[in-house]
Amino acid sequence: MGNAEPARLTQVILHGVHRGEPGSASIPRFAHAMTDEPVADLVGYLSEGTTGTAVEVSAGTAARAAQEAIPKAARE
């Protein structure tokens, strides 16, 4: 995941990844345990660690990405 994908990384952190295939990796969800600011900090840290380039992600950006990850029907 590169610098152009902070919203996608935010969604993975908040909602996890569960492929359901035997032997495939999964990532737990942290939406219940983290607020927007720590998520934004983690996204910036992980992005910099994988690309070598600092990424500024605001708490507002993390909040918007979290809402985008939820299907529209679920938010209504």
C-alpha atoms as a PDB file:
ATOM      1  CA  MET A   1       0.000   0.000   0.000  1.00  0.00           C
ATOM      2  CA  GLY A   2       1.482   3.273  -1.000  1.00  0.00           C
ATOM      3  CA  ASN A   3       1.047   6.908  -0.178  1.00  0.00           C
ATOM      4  CA  ALA A   4      -1.872   7.236  -2.568  1.00  0.00           C
ATOM      5  CA  GLU A   5      -3.979   4.809  -0.541  1.00  0.00           C
ATOM      6  CA  PRO A   6      -4.374   6.167   3.010  1.00  0.00           C
ATOM      7  CA  ALA A   7      -8.166   5.756   2.799  1.00  0.00           C
ATOM      8  CA  ARG A   8      -7.820   2.081   1.889  1.00  0.00           C
ATOM      9  CA  LEU A   9      -5.317   1.460   4.685  1.00  0.00           C
ATOM     10  CA  THR A  10      -7.655   3.250   7.103  1.00  0.00           C
ATOM     11  CA  GLN A  11     -10.492   0.944   6.087  1.00  0.00           C
ATOM     12  CA  VAL A  12      -8.291  -2.114   6.618  1.00  0.00           C
ATOM     13  CA  ILE A  13      -7.307  -0.927  10.109  1.00  0.00           C
ATOM     14  CA  LEU A  14     -10.878  -0.142  11.093  1.00  0.00           C
ATOM     15  CA  HIS A  15     -12.750  -3.013   9.434  1.00  0.00           C
ATOM     16  CA  GLY A  16     -10.097  -5.719   9.061  1.00  0.00           C
ATOM     17  CA  VAL A  17      -9.624  -8.206   6.251  1.00  0.00           C
ATOM     18  CA  HIS A  18     -11.140 -11.673   6.313  1.00  0.00           C
ATOM     19  CA  ARG A  19     -10.656 -13.711   3.180  1.00  0.00           C
ATOM     20  CA  GLY A  20     -12.241 -16.927   4.418  1.00  0.00           C
ATOM     21  CA  GLU A  21      -9.863 -19.166   2.497  1.00  0.00           C
ATOM     22  CA  PRO A  22      -7.987 -21.836   4.459  1.00  0.00           C
ATOM     23  CA  GLY A  23      -4.455 -20.685   5.194  1.00  0.00           C
ATOM     24  CA  SER A  24      -5.068 -17.105   4.100  1.00  0.00           C
ATOM     25  CA  ALA A  25      -4.079 -14.242   6.348  1.00  0.00           C
ATOM     26  CA  SER A  26      -6.645 -12.121   8.088  1.00  0.00           C
ATOM     27  CA  ILE A  27      -6.388  -8.810   9.904  1.00  0.00           C
ATOM     28  CA  PRO A  28      -8.620  -8.074  12.895  1.00  0.00           C
ATOM     29  CA  ARG A  29     -10.805  -4.969  12.966  1.00  0.00           C
ATOM     30  CA  PHE A  30      -9.979  -2.138  15.359  1.00  0.00           C
ATOM     31  CA  ALA A  31     -12.945   0.223  14.830  1.00  0.00           C
ATOM     32  CA  HIS A  32     -14.249  -0.605  18.297  1.00  0.00           C
ATOM     33  CA  ALA A  33     -10.905   0.099  19.958  1.00  0.00           C
ATOM     34  CA  MET A  34      -9.447   3.156  18.196  1.00  0.00           C
ATOM     35  CA  THR A  35     -10.582   6.727  17.643  1.00  0.00           C
ATOM     36  CA  ASP A  36      -9.844   8.750  14.503  1.00  0.00           C
ATOM     37  CA  GLU A  37      -6.631  10.410  15.693  1.00  0.00           C
ATOM     38  CA  PRO A  38      -4.737   7.211  16.614  1.00  0.00           C
ATOM     39  CA  VAL A  39      -5.924   5.621  13.360  1.00  0.00           C
ATOM     40  CA  ALA A  40      -4.588   8.605  11.408  1.00  0.00           C
ATOM     41  CA  ASP A  41      -1.261   8.379  13.235  1.00  0.00           C
ATOM     42  CA  LEU A  42      -1.007   4.652  12.514  1.00  0.00           C
ATOM     43  CA  VAL A  43      -1.820   5.128   8.824  1.00  0.00           C
ATOM     44  CA  GLY A  44       0.905   7.777   8.559  1.00  0.00           C
ATOM     45  CA  TYR A  45       3.421   5.581  10.375  1.00  0.00           C
ATOM     46  CA  LEU A  46       2.692   2.461   8.317  1.00  0.00           C
ATOM     47  CA  SER A  47       2.719   4.390   5.044  1.00  0.00           C
ATOM     48  CA  GLU A  48       6.073   5.951   5.855  1.00  0.00           C
ATOM     49  CA  GLY A  49       7.488   2.604   6.921  1.00  0.00           C
ATOM     50  CA  THR A  50       6.515   0.911   3.674  1.00  0.00           C
ATOM     51  CA  THR A  51       7.308   3.726   1.240  1.00  0.00           C
ATOM     52  CA  GLY A  52       9.971   5.766   3.030  1.00  0.00           C
ATOM     53  CA  THR A  53       7.908   8.913   2.496  1.00  0.00           C
ATOM     54  CA  ALA A  54       6.052  10.671   5.287  1.00  0.00           C
ATOM     55  CA  VAL A  55       2.292  10.800   4.865  1.00  0.00           C
ATOM     56  CA  GLU A  56       0.185  13.321   6.778  1.00  0.00           C
ATOM     57  CA  VAL A  57      -3.224  11.880   7.574  1.00  0.00           C
ATOM     58  CA  SER A  58      -5.630  13.943   9.660  1.00  0.00           C
ATOM     59  CA  ALA A  59      -8.232  12.587  12.058  1.00  0.00           C
ATOM     60  CA  GLY A  60     -10.857  14.052   9.708  1.00  0.00           C
ATOM     61  CA  THR A  61      -9.437  12.086   6.802  1.00  0.00           C
ATOM     62  CA  ALA A  62      -9.559   8.912   8.885  1.00  0.00           C
ATOM     63  CA  ALA A  63     -13.167   9.627   9.864  1.00  0.00           C
ATOM     64  CA  ARG A  64     -14.207  10.195   6.233  1.00  0.00           C
ATOM     65  CA  ALA A  65     -12.457   7.013   5.112  1.00  0.00           C
ATOM     66  CA  ALA A  66     -14.188   5.088   7.879  1.00  0.00           C
ATOM     67  CA  GLN A  67     -17.602   6.307   6.685  1.00  0.00           C
ATOM     68  CA  GLU A  68     -16.763   5.470   3.062  1.00  0.00           C
ATOM     69  CA  ALA A  69     -16.030   1.901   4.104  1.00  0.00           C
ATOM     70  CA  ILE A  70     -19.553   1.441   5.451  1.00  0.00           C
ATOM     71  CA  PRO A  71     -22.126   0.651   2.775  1.00  0.00           C
ATOM     72  CA  LYS A  72     -24.486   3.573   2.285  1.00  0.00           C
ATOM     73  CA  ALA A  73     -27.533   1.526   3.270  1.00  0.00           C
ATOM     74  CA  ALA A  74     -25.916   0.697   6.624  1.00  0.00           C
ATOM     75  CA  ARG A  75     -25.434   4.387   7.453  1.00  0.00           C
ATOM     76  CA  GLU A  76     -29.065   5.336   6.843  1.00  0.00           C
END
